[in-house]
Amino acid sequence: MMGNDERPIRGAAETIEAGDPGLAPRRARQSRPIDAAARDRIGRGLRLHYAAVLAQPIPDRLRTLLDDLAACAETEAQP
């Protein structure tokens, strides 16, 4: 018998399609408006949490892809 923390992990689409009753309370909480102070606290916490990730350099392969995309956009923009 599986406990709550031993449930198999499913994708979000599969969980929603299956009508997982565990989603109902989360939907109800999301429908309440969040006040400005709470949004500020959440935003500040996320910025602190992801600061180390944002400080990492962009990998060379991704930089190359971005440069190629920018070059394509520039040539398409020219008449």
N, C-alpha and C. Protein backbone atom coordinates (compact mmCIF):
# COMPACT_ATOMS: atom_id res chain seq x y z
N MET A 1 0.84 -1.18 0.00
CA MET A 1 0.00 0.00 0.00
C MET A 1 0.89 1.24 0.00
N MET A 2 0.56 2.20 -0.84
CA MET A 2 1.37 3.41 -0.97
C MET A 2 0.82 4.52 -0.09
N GLY A 3 1.73 5.23 0.57
CA GLY A 3 1.33 6.41 1.32
C GLY A 3 1.29 7.62 0.40
N ASN A 4 0.94 8.78 0.92
CA ASN A 4 0.87 9.99 0.10
C ASN A 4 2.20 10.34 -0.54
N ASP A 5 3.34 10.15 0.18
CA ASP A 5 4.60 10.53 -0.42
C ASP A 5 5.14 9.45 -1.34
N GLU A 6 4.46 8.34 -1.47
CA GLU A 6 4.93 7.26 -2.32
C GLU A 6 4.11 7.12 -3.59
N ARG A 7 3.23 8.08 -3.86
CA ARG A 7 2.44 8.02 -5.08
C ARG A 7 3.34 8.15 -6.29
N PRO A 8 3.03 7.44 -7.38
CA PRO A 8 3.84 7.62 -8.59
C PRO A 8 3.71 9.03 -9.12
N ILE A 9 4.78 9.55 -9.68
CA ILE A 9 4.77 10.90 -10.24
C ILE A 9 4.16 10.82 -11.63
N ARG A 10 3.20 11.70 -11.89
CA ARG A 10 2.55 11.75 -13.20
C ARG A 10 2.71 13.13 -13.76
N GLY A 11 2.60 13.23 -15.09
CA GLY A 11 2.64 14.53 -15.73
C GLY A 11 1.40 15.33 -15.39
N ALA A 12 1.47 16.65 -15.52
CA ALA A 12 0.35 17.51 -15.18
C ALA A 12 -0.88 17.19 -16.01
N ALA A 13 -0.69 16.97 -17.32
CA ALA A 13 -1.83 16.67 -18.19
C ALA A 13 -2.50 15.37 -17.77
N GLU A 14 -1.70 14.37 -17.45
CA GLU A 14 -2.25 13.09 -17.04
C GLU A 14 -3.02 13.23 -15.73
N THR A 15 -2.49 14.01 -14.80
CA THR A 15 -3.14 14.22 -13.51
C THR A 15 -4.49 14.92 -13.69
N ILE A 16 -4.52 15.95 -14.54
CA ILE A 16 -5.75 16.70 -14.76
C ILE A 16 -6.78 15.83 -15.46
N GLU A 17 -6.33 15.08 -16.50
CA GLU A 17 -7.26 14.22 -17.22
C GLU A 17 -7.86 13.15 -16.31
N ALA A 18 -7.05 12.66 -15.38
CA ALA A 18 -7.53 11.61 -14.49
C ALA A 18 -8.49 12.16 -13.44
N GLY A 19 -8.59 13.49 -13.34
CA GLY A 19 -9.49 14.09 -12.36
C GLY A 19 -9.01 13.86 -10.94
N ASP A 20 -7.73 13.99 -10.71
CA ASP A 20 -7.13 13.77 -9.40
C ASP A 20 -7.79 14.70 -8.38
N PRO A 21 -8.45 14.15 -7.38
CA PRO A 21 -9.10 15.00 -6.39
C PRO A 21 -8.12 15.84 -5.58
N GLY A 22 -6.83 15.49 -5.59
CA GLY A 22 -5.82 16.26 -4.88
C GLY A 22 -5.62 17.63 -5.49
N LEU A 23 -6.07 17.85 -6.73
CA LEU A 23 -5.92 19.14 -7.37
C LEU A 23 -6.99 20.14 -6.94
N ALA A 24 -8.11 19.68 -6.49
CA ALA A 24 -9.24 20.56 -6.16
C ALA A 24 -8.87 21.61 -5.12
N PRO A 25 -8.24 21.26 -4.00
CA PRO A 25 -7.92 22.31 -3.02
C PRO A 25 -6.94 23.34 -3.58
N ARG A 26 -6.00 22.93 -4.43
CA ARG A 26 -5.05 23.88 -5.00
C ARG A 26 -5.76 24.86 -5.92
N ARG A 27 -6.71 24.38 -6.70
CA ARG A 27 -7.46 25.27 -7.58
C ARG A 27 -8.22 26.30 -6.77
N ALA A 28 -8.80 25.89 -5.65
CA ALA A 28 -9.57 26.81 -4.81
C ALA A 28 -8.65 27.89 -4.24
N ARG A 29 -7.45 27.51 -3.81
CA ARG A 29 -6.52 28.50 -3.27
C ARG A 29 -6.07 29.48 -4.34
N GLN A 30 -5.92 29.02 -5.57
CA GLN A 30 -5.45 29.89 -6.63
C GLN A 30 -6.48 30.93 -7.03
N SER A 31 -7.74 30.70 -6.75
CA SER A 31 -8.77 31.63 -7.18
C SER A 31 -8.84 32.88 -6.29
N ARG A 32 -8.25 32.83 -5.11
CA ARG A 32 -8.25 34.00 -4.23
C ARG A 32 -7.21 35.00 -4.70
N PRO A 33 -7.52 36.29 -4.67
CA PRO A 33 -6.52 37.28 -5.07
C PRO A 33 -5.39 37.35 -4.06
N ILE A 34 -4.20 37.65 -4.56
CA ILE A 34 -3.03 37.79 -3.69
C ILE A 34 -2.76 39.28 -3.52
N ASP A 35 -2.62 39.72 -2.28
CA ASP A 35 -2.39 41.15 -2.05
C ASP A 35 -0.98 41.55 -2.48
N ALA A 36 -0.77 42.84 -2.64
CA ALA A 36 0.50 43.37 -3.15
C ALA A 36 1.68 42.99 -2.26
N ALA A 37 1.50 42.99 -0.96
CA ALA A 37 2.60 42.66 -0.04
C ALA A 37 3.02 41.21 -0.23
N ALA A 38 2.04 40.32 -0.39
CA ALA A 38 2.36 38.90 -0.60
C ALA A 38 3.07 38.72 -1.93
N ARG A 39 2.62 39.41 -2.98
CA ARG A 39 3.28 39.32 -4.29
C ARG A 39 4.73 39.80 -4.19
N ASP A 40 4.94 40.88 -3.44
CA ASP A 40 6.30 41.40 -3.26
C ASP A 40 7.19 40.39 -2.54
N ARG A 41 6.65 39.76 -1.48
CA ARG A 41 7.42 38.75 -0.75
C ARG A 41 7.75 37.57 -1.65
N ILE A 42 6.79 37.11 -2.42
CA ILE A 42 7.02 35.98 -3.33
C ILE A 42 8.07 36.36 -4.37
N GLY A 43 7.93 37.55 -4.96
CA GLY A 43 8.89 37.99 -5.97
C GLY A 43 10.30 38.11 -5.42
N ARG A 44 10.42 38.67 -4.23
CA ARG A 44 11.72 38.82 -3.59
C ARG A 44 12.33 37.45 -3.31
N GLY A 45 11.51 36.54 -2.81
CA GLY A 45 12.00 35.18 -2.53
C GLY A 45 12.46 34.46 -3.78
N LEU A 46 11.69 34.61 -4.88
CA LEU A 46 12.09 33.97 -6.13
C LEU A 46 13.37 34.57 -6.69
N ARG A 47 13.49 35.90 -6.61
CA ARG A 47 14.73 36.55 -7.09
C ARG A 47 15.94 36.05 -6.30
N LEU A 48 15.80 35.93 -4.98
CA LEU A 48 16.90 35.43 -4.17
C LEU A 48 17.21 33.98 -4.50
N HIS A 49 16.17 33.19 -4.69
CA HIS A 49 16.34 31.77 -4.98
C HIS A 49 17.04 31.55 -6.32
N TYR A 50 16.70 32.34 -7.32
CA TYR A 50 17.25 32.14 -8.66
C TYR A 50 18.43 33.04 -8.98
N ALA A 51 18.90 33.84 -8.04
CA ALA A 51 20.01 34.76 -8.29
C ALA A 51 21.25 34.01 -8.77
N ALA A 52 21.56 32.89 -8.16
CA ALA A 52 22.75 32.12 -8.56
C ALA A 52 22.61 31.60 -9.99
N VAL A 53 21.42 31.18 -10.35
CA VAL A 53 21.20 30.67 -11.71
C VAL A 53 21.34 31.80 -12.72
N LEU A 54 20.78 32.96 -12.41
CA LEU A 54 20.84 34.10 -13.32
C LEU A 54 22.26 34.62 -13.49
N ALA A 55 23.12 34.40 -12.49
CA ALA A 55 24.49 34.87 -12.56
C ALA A 55 25.37 33.96 -13.43
N GLN A 56 24.90 32.77 -13.76
CA GLN A 56 25.67 31.85 -14.58
C GLN A 56 25.78 32.37 -16.01
N PRO A 57 26.92 32.13 -16.67
CA PRO A 57 27.04 32.55 -18.06
C PRO A 57 26.15 31.69 -18.96
N ILE A 58 25.76 32.27 -20.09
CA ILE A 58 24.95 31.52 -21.06
C ILE A 58 25.87 30.51 -21.74
N PRO A 59 25.47 29.25 -21.84
CA PRO A 59 26.31 28.24 -22.51
C PRO A 59 26.60 28.64 -23.96
N ASP A 60 27.79 28.27 -24.44
CA ASP A 60 28.21 28.63 -25.79
C ASP A 60 27.20 28.20 -26.85
N ARG A 61 26.67 27.00 -26.73
CA ARG A 61 25.72 26.49 -27.74
C ARG A 61 24.46 27.36 -27.77
N LEU A 62 23.96 27.75 -26.62
CA LEU A 62 22.77 28.60 -26.57
C LEU A 62 23.09 29.99 -27.12
N ARG A 63 24.26 30.53 -26.80
CA ARG A 63 24.67 31.84 -27.31
C ARG A 63 24.73 31.80 -28.84
N THR A 64 25.27 30.70 -29.41
CA THR A 64 25.34 30.55 -30.86
C THR A 64 23.95 30.54 -31.46
N LEU A 65 23.04 29.80 -30.86
CA LEU A 65 21.67 29.75 -31.37
C LEU A 65 20.99 31.11 -31.30
N LEU A 66 21.20 31.83 -30.20
CA LEU A 66 20.61 33.17 -30.07
C LEU A 66 21.18 34.14 -31.11
N ASP A 67 22.49 34.05 -31.34
CA ASP A 67 23.11 34.91 -32.35
C ASP A 67 22.57 34.60 -33.74
N ASP A 68 22.41 33.30 -34.05
CA ASP A 68 21.85 32.90 -35.35
C ASP A 68 20.42 33.41 -35.50
N LEU A 69 19.64 33.32 -34.46
CA LEU A 69 18.26 33.81 -34.50
C LEU A 69 18.22 35.32 -34.71
N ALA A 70 19.09 36.03 -34.02
CA ALA A 70 19.14 37.49 -34.18
C ALA A 70 19.54 37.86 -35.60
N ALA A 71 20.49 37.12 -36.18
CA ALA A 71 20.93 37.40 -37.54
C ALA A 71 19.79 37.15 -38.53
N CYS A 72 19.03 36.09 -38.33
CA CYS A 72 17.88 35.80 -39.21
C CYS A 72 16.82 36.89 -39.08
N ALA A 73 16.58 37.34 -37.87
CA ALA A 73 15.57 38.39 -37.65
C ALA A 73 15.99 39.69 -38.32
N GLU A 74 17.30 39.99 -38.28
CA GLU A 74 17.80 41.22 -38.91
C GLU A 74 17.66 41.17 -40.42
N THR A 75 17.95 40.02 -41.04
CA THR A 75 17.84 39.91 -42.50
C THR A 75 16.40 39.93 -42.95
N GLU A 76 15.49 39.38 -42.14
CA GLU A 76 14.07 39.39 -42.50
C GLU A 76 13.48 40.79 -42.35
N ALA A 77 14.03 41.60 -41.42
CA ALA A 77 13.51 42.93 -41.19
C ALA A 77 13.93 43.92 -42.28
N GLN A 78 15.01 43.60 -42.99
CA GLN A 78 15.48 44.49 -44.04
C GLN A 78 14.65 44.28 -45.31
N PRO A 79 14.24 45.40 -46.00
CA PRO A 79 13.41 45.26 -47.21
C PRO A 79 14.19 44.80 -48.40
